[in-house]
Amino acid sequence: MRRPLVAGNWKMNGSRAGNEGLLAAVAAGAREIAGVDIAVCPPFVYLADVEAALAGSAVAWGGQNLCQETGVGAYTGEISGAMLRDFGCRYVIIGHSERRTLYGESDAQVARKFVAATAARLTPILCVGELLEEREAGTTEAVIARQLDAVLDAVDSLGQAVVAYEPVWAIGTGRTASPEQAQEVHGFIRRRVARKGADTAAALRILYGGSVKGSNAAELFAMADIDGGLIGGASLKAEEFLEICRAAQSA
């Protein structure tokens, strides 16, 4: 049985003063939640504070991105996987739709980042998802297949990686895929991964990442192939984030 994961992506949000209370509340609430892996992914500049606040707690932490280069060198503004590990990170988000659309990350670049993450012994949270126009054109599965195959062609196995399905049209828009729509794509992802290894596909955790809230988490997590969530705005509110984690516990 797959253990649920609820990971908070803070995006470009937070302050040292505000983070302190948020992290304390999440760490305290997580003590009452069993059977769910919980993580937060803050901006890089707060990683030292997050490490200090969460060390010894039930909450892990990770980065929102990393450089595809595995060594040190002249890569101004970049962060390596080894640097994330140096701050106790367990996870790193790879290929988020905002990285793909706003910063032009290609499927090939995302695949290289995935390889760099695994080389640094980080668990990649690989994001895949379609734009509204792609969904309306009926090309959702083709888009997801292309994004997945770029990584599957670059590695022997997804191993301990996590995949997050984030329909771009449902991120920060207040729109959410219905549980049935989300399940349909999650099932497709699992079948696509199974082409390279049935056991890996069966064990793969696939998160839903499209405007998950406390009010809709339970019905989403009740779907057979939805193993938790990659949470955006709701992860900035301790009680709502914990409500989502409790929904994963009950699923």
C-alpha atoms as a PDB file:
ATOM      1  CA  MET A   1       0.000   0.000   0.000  1.00  0.00           C
ATOM      2  CA  ARG A   2       1.323   3.424  -0.952  1.00  0.00           C
ATOM      3  CA  ARG A   3       1.929   5.847   1.895  1.00  0.00           C
ATOM      4  CA  PRO A   4       0.338   9.248   1.191  1.00  0.00           C
ATOM      5  CA  LEU A   5       2.498  12.342   0.822  1.00  0.00           C
ATOM      6  CA  VAL A   6       1.324  15.921   1.302  1.00  0.00           C
ATOM      7  CA  ALA A   7       3.961  18.464   0.227  1.00  0.00           C
ATOM      8  CA  GLY A   8       3.565  22.220   0.547  1.00  0.00           C
ATOM      9  CA  ASN A   9       5.032  24.392  -2.205  1.00  0.00           C
ATOM     10  CA  TRP A  10       5.378  27.871  -0.701  1.00  0.00           C
ATOM     11  CA  LYS A  11       6.413  29.343  -4.081  1.00  0.00           C
ATOM     12  CA  MET A  12       7.757  32.923  -3.663  1.00  0.00           C
ATOM     13  CA  ASN A  13       6.027  33.523  -0.337  1.00  0.00           C
ATOM     14  CA  GLY A  14       7.088  33.867   3.281  1.00  0.00           C
ATOM     15  CA  SER A  15       9.029  35.993   5.712  1.00  0.00           C
ATOM     16  CA  ARG A  16      11.294  35.036   8.596  1.00  0.00           C
ATOM     17  CA  ALA A  17       8.776  36.344  11.119  1.00  0.00           C
ATOM     18  CA  GLY A  18       5.752  34.726   9.504  1.00  0.00           C
ATOM     19  CA  ASN A  19       7.482  31.432   8.779  1.00  0.00           C
ATOM     20  CA  GLU A  20       8.295  30.875  12.433  1.00  0.00           C
ATOM     21  CA  GLY A  21       4.659  30.645  13.485  1.00  0.00           C
ATOM     22  CA  LEU A  22       3.621  28.654  10.429  1.00  0.00           C
ATOM     23  CA  LEU A  23       6.341  26.042  10.910  1.00  0.00           C
ATOM     24  CA  ALA A  24       5.694  25.720  14.638  1.00  0.00           C
ATOM     25  CA  ALA A  25       1.989  25.139  14.021  1.00  0.00           C
ATOM     26  CA  VAL A  26       2.573  22.606  11.239  1.00  0.00           C
ATOM     27  CA  ALA A  27       5.160  20.691  13.270  1.00  0.00           C
ATOM     28  CA  ALA A  28       2.851  20.576  16.287  1.00  0.00           C
ATOM     29  CA  GLY A  29      -0.143  19.441  14.247  1.00  0.00           C
ATOM     30  CA  ALA A  30       1.873  16.809  12.403  1.00  0.00           C
ATOM     31  CA  ARG A  31       2.494  14.989  15.696  1.00  0.00           C
ATOM     32  CA  GLU A  32      -1.179  13.980  15.689  1.00  0.00           C
ATOM     33  CA  ILE A  33      -1.151  12.659  12.101  1.00  0.00           C
ATOM     34  CA  ALA A  34      -0.008   9.094  11.470  1.00  0.00           C
ATOM     35  CA  GLY A  35       0.633   7.253   8.232  1.00  0.00           C
ATOM     36  CA  VAL A  36       1.223  10.338   6.093  1.00  0.00           C
ATOM     37  CA  ASP A  37       4.512  11.830   4.919  1.00  0.00           C
ATOM     38  CA  ILE A  38       4.441  15.626   5.247  1.00  0.00           C
ATOM     39  CA  ALA A  39       6.881  18.089   3.698  1.00  0.00           C
ATOM     40  CA  VAL A  40       7.279  21.784   2.973  1.00  0.00           C
ATOM     41  CA  CYS A  41       9.264  23.384   0.166  1.00  0.00           C
ATOM     42  CA  PRO A  42      10.148  27.002   1.029  1.00  0.00           C
ATOM     43  CA  PRO A  43      12.147  29.532  -0.996  1.00  0.00           C
ATOM     44  CA  PHE A  44      15.866  28.773  -0.873  1.00  0.00           C
ATOM     45  CA  VAL A  45      16.697  31.705   1.408  1.00  0.00           C
ATOM     46  CA  TYR A  46      14.616  30.208   4.236  1.00  0.00           C
ATOM     47  CA  LEU A  47      16.037  26.678   4.130  1.00  0.00           C
ATOM     48  CA  ALA A  48      18.363  27.210   7.101  1.00  0.00           C
ATOM     49  CA  ASP A  49      15.474  28.512   9.210  1.00  0.00           C
ATOM     50  CA  VAL A  50      13.232  25.647   8.102  1.00  0.00           C
ATOM     51  CA  GLU A  51      15.919  23.094   8.931  1.00  0.00           C
ATOM     52  CA  ALA A  52      16.317  24.562  12.407  1.00  0.00           C
ATOM     53  CA  ALA A  53      12.564  24.722  13.009  1.00  0.00           C
ATOM     54  CA  LEU A  54      11.709  21.239  11.751  1.00  0.00           C
ATOM     55  CA  ALA A  55      14.739  19.178  12.796  1.00  0.00           C
ATOM     56  CA  GLY A  56      13.499  16.227  14.820  1.00  0.00           C
ATOM     57  CA  SER A  57       9.862  16.796  13.800  1.00  0.00           C
ATOM     58  CA  ALA A  58       7.601  14.639  11.651  1.00  0.00           C
ATOM     59  CA  VAL A  59       7.811  17.192   8.802  1.00  0.00           C
ATOM     60  CA  ALA A  60      10.429  16.955   6.065  1.00  0.00           C
ATOM     61  CA  TRP A  61      11.497  19.776   3.775  1.00  0.00           C
ATOM     62  CA  GLY A  62      12.788  20.287   0.272  1.00  0.00           C
ATOM     63  CA  GLY A  63      13.708  22.707  -2.487  1.00  0.00           C
ATOM     64  CA  GLN A  64      11.494  24.175  -5.183  1.00  0.00           C
ATOM     65  CA  ASN A  65      14.056  23.719  -7.953  1.00  0.00           C
ATOM     66  CA  LEU A  66      17.695  22.839  -8.557  1.00  0.00           C
ATOM     67  CA  CYS A  67      20.378  23.206 -11.184  1.00  0.00           C
ATOM     68  CA  GLN A  68      20.788  20.435 -13.747  1.00  0.00           C
ATOM     69  CA  GLU A  69      24.573  20.583 -13.294  1.00  0.00           C
ATOM     70  CA  THR A  70      25.850  18.149 -10.688  1.00  0.00           C
ATOM     71  CA  GLY A  71      29.126  19.849  -9.801  1.00  0.00           C
ATOM     72  CA  VAL A  72      30.149  23.229  -8.485  1.00  0.00           C
ATOM     73  CA  GLY A  73      31.201  25.964 -10.858  1.00  0.00           C
ATOM     74  CA  ALA A  74      30.291  29.099 -12.753  1.00  0.00           C
ATOM     75  CA  TYR A  75      26.495  28.840 -12.603  1.00  0.00           C
ATOM     76  CA  THR A  76      25.559  32.191 -11.104  1.00  0.00           C
ATOM     77  CA  GLY A  77      22.230  32.172  -9.303  1.00  0.00           C
ATOM     78  CA  GLU A  78      21.872  28.381  -9.322  1.00  0.00           C
ATOM     79  CA  ILE A  79      21.521  25.890  -6.454  1.00  0.00           C
ATOM     80  CA  SER A  80      22.887  22.351  -6.690  1.00  0.00           C
ATOM     81  CA  GLY A  81      21.377  19.171  -5.334  1.00  0.00           C
ATOM     82  CA  ALA A  82      24.353  18.779  -3.014  1.00  0.00           C
ATOM     83  CA  MET A  83      23.625  22.214  -1.542  1.00  0.00           C
ATOM     84  CA  LEU A  84      20.026  21.209  -0.858  1.00  0.00           C
ATOM     85  CA  ARG A  85      21.236  18.053   0.858  1.00  0.00           C
ATOM     86  CA  ASP A  86      23.591  20.206   2.928  1.00  0.00           C
ATOM     87  CA  PHE A  87      20.504  21.829   4.456  1.00  0.00           C
ATOM     88  CA  GLY A  88      18.793  18.531   5.181  1.00  0.00           C
ATOM     89  CA  CYS A  89      16.432  18.541   2.220  1.00  0.00           C
ATOM     90  CA  ARG A  90      14.756  15.247   1.386  1.00  0.00           C
ATOM     91  CA  TYR A  91      12.699  16.387  -1.614  1.00  0.00           C
ATOM     92  CA  VAL A  92      13.005  18.724  -4.579  1.00  0.00           C
ATOM     93  CA  ILE A  93      10.278  19.863  -6.976  1.00  0.00           C
ATOM     94  CA  ILE A  94      11.219  19.281 -10.612  1.00  0.00           C
ATOM     95  CA  GLY A  95       9.529  20.743 -13.687  1.00  0.00           C
ATOM     96  CA  HIS A  96       6.786  22.737 -11.988  1.00  0.00           C
ATOM     97  CA  SER A  97       4.461  24.291 -14.552  1.00  0.00           C
ATOM     98  CA  GLU A  98       5.611  27.772 -13.534  1.00  0.00           C
ATOM     99  CA  ARG A  99       9.208  26.789 -14.294  1.00  0.00           C
ATOM    100  CA  ARG A 100       8.128  25.374 -17.648  1.00  0.00           C
ATOM    101  CA  THR A 101       5.881  28.286 -18.700  1.00  0.00           C
ATOM    102  CA  LEU A 102       7.521  31.327 -17.074  1.00  0.00           C
ATOM    103  CA  TYR A 103      11.167  30.291 -17.408  1.00  0.00           C
ATOM    104  CA  GLY A 104      11.084  28.129 -20.488  1.00  0.00           C
ATOM    105  CA  GLU A 105      12.274  24.855 -18.988  1.00  0.00           C
ATOM    106  CA  SER A 106      12.118  22.181 -21.663  1.00  0.00           C
ATOM    107  CA  ASP A 107      11.293  18.512 -21.175  1.00  0.00           C
ATOM    108  CA  ALA A 108      14.967  17.734 -21.785  1.00  0.00           C
ATOM    109  CA  GLN A 109      16.091  20.205 -19.117  1.00  0.00           C
ATOM    110  CA  VAL A 110      13.567  18.797 -16.649  1.00  0.00           C
ATOM    111  CA  ALA A 111      14.939  15.317 -17.315  1.00  0.00           C
ATOM    112  CA  ARG A 112      18.475  16.525 -16.585  1.00  0.00           C
ATOM    113  CA  LYS A 113      17.279  18.082 -13.326  1.00  0.00           C
ATOM    114  CA  PHE A 114      15.627  14.800 -12.387  1.00  0.00           C
ATOM    115  CA  VAL A 115      18.921  12.970 -12.930  1.00  0.00           C
ATOM    116  CA  ALA A 116      20.795  15.610 -10.905  1.00  0.00           C
ATOM    117  CA  ALA A 117      18.304  15.271  -8.045  1.00  0.00           C
ATOM    118  CA  THR A 118      18.674  11.507  -7.832  1.00  0.00           C
ATOM    119  CA  ALA A 119      22.465  11.821  -8.043  1.00  0.00           C
ATOM    120  CA  ALA A 120      22.277  14.043  -4.947  1.00  0.00           C
ATOM    121  CA  ARG A 121      20.110  11.425  -3.161  1.00  0.00           C
ATOM    122  CA  LEU A 122      17.082  13.708  -3.209  1.00  0.00           C
ATOM    123  CA  THR A 123      13.562  12.483  -3.953  1.00  0.00           C
ATOM    124  CA  PRO A 124      12.319  14.333  -7.052  1.00  0.00           C
ATOM    125  CA  ILE A 125       8.698  15.465  -7.160  1.00  0.00           C
ATOM    126  CA  LEU A 126       8.273  15.464 -10.926  1.00  0.00           C
ATOM    127  CA  CYS A 127       5.473  17.774 -12.083  1.00  0.00           C
ATOM    128  CA  VAL A 128       3.513  17.095 -15.245  1.00  0.00           C
ATOM    129  CA  GLY A 129       0.365  18.727 -16.545  1.00  0.00           C
ATOM    130  CA  GLU A 130      -1.483  20.292 -19.433  1.00  0.00           C
ATOM    131  CA  LEU A 131      -2.560  23.827 -20.310  1.00  0.00           C
ATOM    132  CA  LEU A 132      -6.229  24.720 -20.676  1.00  0.00           C
ATOM    133  CA  GLU A 133      -5.962  24.869 -24.458  1.00  0.00           C
ATOM    134  CA  GLU A 134      -4.342  21.420 -24.491  1.00  0.00           C
ATOM    135  CA  ARG A 135      -7.150  19.948 -22.392  1.00  0.00           C
ATOM    136  CA  GLU A 136      -9.774  21.571 -24.616  1.00  0.00           C
ATOM    137  CA  ALA A 137      -7.981  20.207 -27.694  1.00  0.00           C
ATOM    138  CA  GLY A 138      -8.122  16.686 -26.249  1.00  0.00           C
ATOM    139  CA  THR A 139      -4.331  16.333 -26.068  1.00  0.00           C
ATOM    140  CA  THR A 140      -3.955  15.912 -22.293  1.00  0.00           C
ATOM    141  CA  GLU A 141      -2.614  12.363 -22.498  1.00  0.00           C
ATOM    142  CA  ALA A 142      -0.204  13.223 -25.311  1.00  0.00           C
ATOM    143  CA  VAL A 143       1.212  16.129 -23.293  1.00  0.00           C
ATOM    144  CA  ILE A 144       1.581  14.046 -20.134  1.00  0.00           C
ATOM    145  CA  ALA A 145       3.173  11.195 -22.106  1.00  0.00           C
ATOM    146  CA  ARG A 146       5.713  13.556 -23.667  1.00  0.00           C
ATOM    147  CA  GLN A 147       6.669  15.052 -20.299  1.00  0.00           C
ATOM    148  CA  LEU A 148       6.932  11.647 -18.611  1.00  0.00           C
ATOM    149  CA  ASP A 149       8.789   9.961 -21.463  1.00  0.00           C
ATOM    150  CA  ALA A 150      11.524  12.610 -21.425  1.00  0.00           C
ATOM    151  CA  VAL A 151      12.399  11.464 -17.897  1.00  0.00           C
ATOM    152  CA  LEU A 152      11.699   7.753 -18.399  1.00  0.00           C
ATOM    153  CA  ASP A 153      14.088   7.753 -21.370  1.00  0.00           C
ATOM    154  CA  ALA A 154      16.832   9.330 -19.237  1.00  0.00           C
ATOM    155  CA  VAL A 155      16.750   6.963 -16.248  1.00  0.00           C
ATOM    156  CA  ASP A 156      16.634   3.230 -15.619  1.00  0.00           C
ATOM    157  CA  SER A 157      13.745   3.592 -13.194  1.00  0.00           C
ATOM    158  CA  LEU A 158      11.767   6.257 -11.374  1.00  0.00           C
ATOM    159  CA  GLY A 159      12.846   4.492  -8.181  1.00  0.00           C
ATOM    160  CA  GLN A 160      11.675   6.400  -5.130  1.00  0.00           C
ATOM    161  CA  ALA A 161      10.560   9.440  -7.123  1.00  0.00           C
ATOM    162  CA  VAL A 162       7.144  11.062  -6.832  1.00  0.00           C
ATOM    163  CA  VAL A 163       5.030  12.375  -9.714  1.00  0.00           C
ATOM    164  CA  ALA A 164       2.652  15.306  -9.269  1.00  0.00           C
ATOM    165  CA  TYR A 165      -0.136  15.890 -11.760  1.00  0.00           C
ATOM    166  CA  GLU A 166      -0.849  19.602 -11.898  1.00  0.00           C
ATOM    167  CA  PRO A 167      -3.401  20.655 -14.497  1.00  0.00           C
ATOM    168  CA  VAL A 168      -2.111  24.130 -15.281  1.00  0.00           C
ATOM    169  CA  TRP A 169      -5.638  25.421 -15.773  1.00  0.00           C
ATOM    170  CA  ALA A 170      -6.427  24.576 -12.134  1.00  0.00           C
ATOM    171  CA  ILE A 171      -3.428  26.194 -10.420  1.00  0.00           C
ATOM    172  CA  GLY A 172      -4.183  29.403  -8.578  1.00  0.00           C
ATOM    173  CA  THR A 173      -7.366  29.871 -10.594  1.00  0.00           C
ATOM    174  CA  GLY A 174      -9.847  28.540  -8.069  1.00  0.00           C
ATOM    175  CA  ARG A 175     -10.779  25.857 -10.614  1.00  0.00           C
ATOM    176  CA  THR A 176     -10.179  22.248  -9.672  1.00  0.00           C
ATOM    177  CA  ALA A 177     -10.378  19.101 -11.730  1.00  0.00           C
ATOM    178  CA  SER A 178     -13.178  16.890 -10.510  1.00  0.00           C
ATOM    179  CA  PRO A 179     -12.004  13.812  -8.594  1.00  0.00           C
ATOM    180  CA  GLU A 180     -12.975  11.737 -11.623  1.00  0.00           C
ATOM    181  CA  GLN A 181     -11.002  13.945 -14.029  1.00  0.00           C
ATOM    182  CA  ALA A 182      -7.959  13.823 -11.768  1.00  0.00           C
ATOM    183  CA  GLN A 183      -8.226  10.058 -11.339  1.00  0.00           C
ATOM    184  CA  GLU A 184      -8.414   9.572 -15.089  1.00  0.00           C
ATOM    185  CA  VAL A 185      -5.062  11.312 -15.589  1.00  0.00           C
ATOM    186  CA  HIS A 186      -3.466   9.686 -12.531  1.00  0.00           C
ATOM    187  CA  GLY A 187      -4.456   6.292 -13.902  1.00  0.00           C
ATOM    188  CA  PHE A 188      -2.934   7.189 -17.252  1.00  0.00           C
ATOM    189  CA  ILE A 189       0.324   8.227 -15.552  1.00  0.00           C
ATOM    190  CA  ARG A 190       0.536   4.920 -13.696  1.00  0.00           C
ATOM    191  CA  ARG A 191      -0.109   2.960 -16.884  1.00  0.00           C
ATOM    192  CA  ARG A 192       2.509   4.981 -18.763  1.00  0.00           C
ATOM    193  CA  VAL A 193       5.135   4.356 -16.088  1.00  0.00           C
ATOM    194  CA  ALA A 194       4.189   0.649 -16.058  1.00  0.00           C
ATOM    195  CA  ARG A 195       5.527   0.349 -19.591  1.00  0.00           C
ATOM    196  CA  LYS A 196       8.995   0.574 -18.062  1.00  0.00           C
ATOM    197  CA  GLY A 197       8.269  -1.415 -14.899  1.00  0.00           C
ATOM    198  CA  ALA A 198       5.016  -2.698 -13.440  1.00  0.00           C
ATOM    199  CA  ASP A 199       6.365  -2.917  -9.894  1.00  0.00           C
ATOM    200  CA  THR A 200       7.708   0.637 -10.007  1.00  0.00           C
ATOM    201  CA  ALA A 201       4.383   1.901 -11.324  1.00  0.00           C
ATOM    202  CA  ALA A 202       2.423   0.094  -8.628  1.00  0.00           C
ATOM    203  CA  ALA A 203       4.582   1.647  -5.896  1.00  0.00           C
ATOM    204  CA  LEU A 204       4.779   5.127  -7.446  1.00  0.00           C
ATOM    205  CA  ARG A 205       3.158   7.904  -5.449  1.00  0.00           C
ATOM    206  CA  ILE A 206       1.204  10.261  -7.701  1.00  0.00           C
ATOM    207  CA  LEU A 207       0.087  13.527  -6.129  1.00  0.00           C
ATOM    208  CA  TYR A 208      -2.624  15.880  -7.298  1.00  0.00           C
ATOM    209  CA  GLY A 209      -1.538  19.501  -7.538  1.00  0.00           C
ATOM    210  CA  GLY A 210      -4.428  21.637  -8.742  1.00  0.00           C
ATOM    211  CA  SER A 211      -5.870  23.963  -6.071  1.00  0.00           C
ATOM    212  CA  VAL A 212      -6.243  21.358  -3.326  1.00  0.00           C
ATOM    213  CA  LYS A 213      -7.995  22.781  -0.260  1.00  0.00           C
ATOM    214  CA  GLY A 214      -9.266  21.440   3.017  1.00  0.00           C
ATOM    215  CA  SER A 215     -12.755  21.388   1.559  1.00  0.00           C
ATOM    216  CA  ASN A 216     -11.977  19.161  -1.440  1.00  0.00           C
ATOM    217  CA  ALA A 217      -8.999  17.086  -0.277  1.00  0.00           C
ATOM    218  CA  ALA A 218     -10.960  14.115   1.068  1.00  0.00           C
ATOM    219  CA  GLU A 219     -12.863  13.439  -2.147  1.00  0.00           C
ATOM    220  CA  LEU A 220      -9.722  13.804  -4.238  1.00  0.00           C
ATOM    221  CA  PHE A 221      -7.657  11.516  -2.012  1.00  0.00           C
ATOM    222  CA  ALA A 222     -10.406   8.884  -2.073  1.00  0.00           C
ATOM    223  CA  MET A 223      -9.548   8.159  -5.720  1.00  0.00           C
ATOM    224  CA  ALA A 224      -7.605   4.941  -6.297  1.00  0.00           C
ATOM    225  CA  ASP A 225      -4.528   6.504  -7.923  1.00  0.00           C
ATOM    226  CA  ILE A 226      -4.299   9.791  -5.990  1.00  0.00           C
ATOM    227  CA  ASP A 227      -1.703   9.384  -3.249  1.00  0.00           C
ATOM    228  CA  GLY A 228      -1.711  12.855  -1.712  1.00  0.00           C
ATOM    229  CA  GLY A 229      -1.191  16.389  -2.883  1.00  0.00           C
ATOM    230  CA  LEU A 230       1.307  19.035  -3.926  1.00  0.00           C
ATOM    231  CA  ILE A 231      -0.243  22.004  -2.170  1.00  0.00           C
ATOM    232  CA  GLY A 232       0.238  25.646  -3.138  1.00  0.00           C
ATOM    233  CA  GLY A 233      -1.589  28.497  -1.429  1.00  0.00           C
ATOM    234  CA  ALA A 234      -3.232  26.295   1.192  1.00  0.00           C
ATOM    235  CA  SER A 235       0.197  25.281   2.504  1.00  0.00           C
ATOM    236  CA  LEU A 236       0.703  28.853   3.745  1.00  0.00           C
ATOM    237  CA  LYS A 237      -2.142  28.448   6.250  1.00  0.00           C
ATOM    238  CA  ALA A 238      -1.213  25.989   8.964  1.00  0.00           C
ATOM    239  CA  GLU A 239      -4.690  24.759   9.874  1.00  0.00           C
ATOM    240  CA  GLU A 240      -5.808  24.296   6.272  1.00  0.00           C
ATOM    241  CA  PHE A 241      -2.584  22.487   5.393  1.00  0.00           C
ATOM    242  CA  LEU A 242      -3.072  20.200   8.393  1.00  0.00           C
ATOM    243  CA  GLU A 243      -6.685  19.595   7.395  1.00  0.00           C
ATOM    244  CA  ILE A 244      -5.419  18.391   4.027  1.00  0.00           C
ATOM    245  CA  CYS A 245      -2.910  16.121   5.789  1.00  0.00           C
ATOM    246  CA  ARG A 246      -5.683  14.698   7.957  1.00  0.00           C
ATOM    247  CA  ALA A 247      -7.733  14.014   4.828  1.00  0.00           C
ATOM    248  CA  ALA A 248      -4.789  12.010   3.462  1.00  0.00           C
ATOM    249  CA  GLN A 249      -4.629  10.087   6.735  1.00  0.00           C
ATOM    250  CA  SER A 250      -8.287   9.119   6.420  1.00  0.00           C
ATOM    251  CA  ALA A 251      -8.175   8.193   2.725  1.00  0.00           C
END
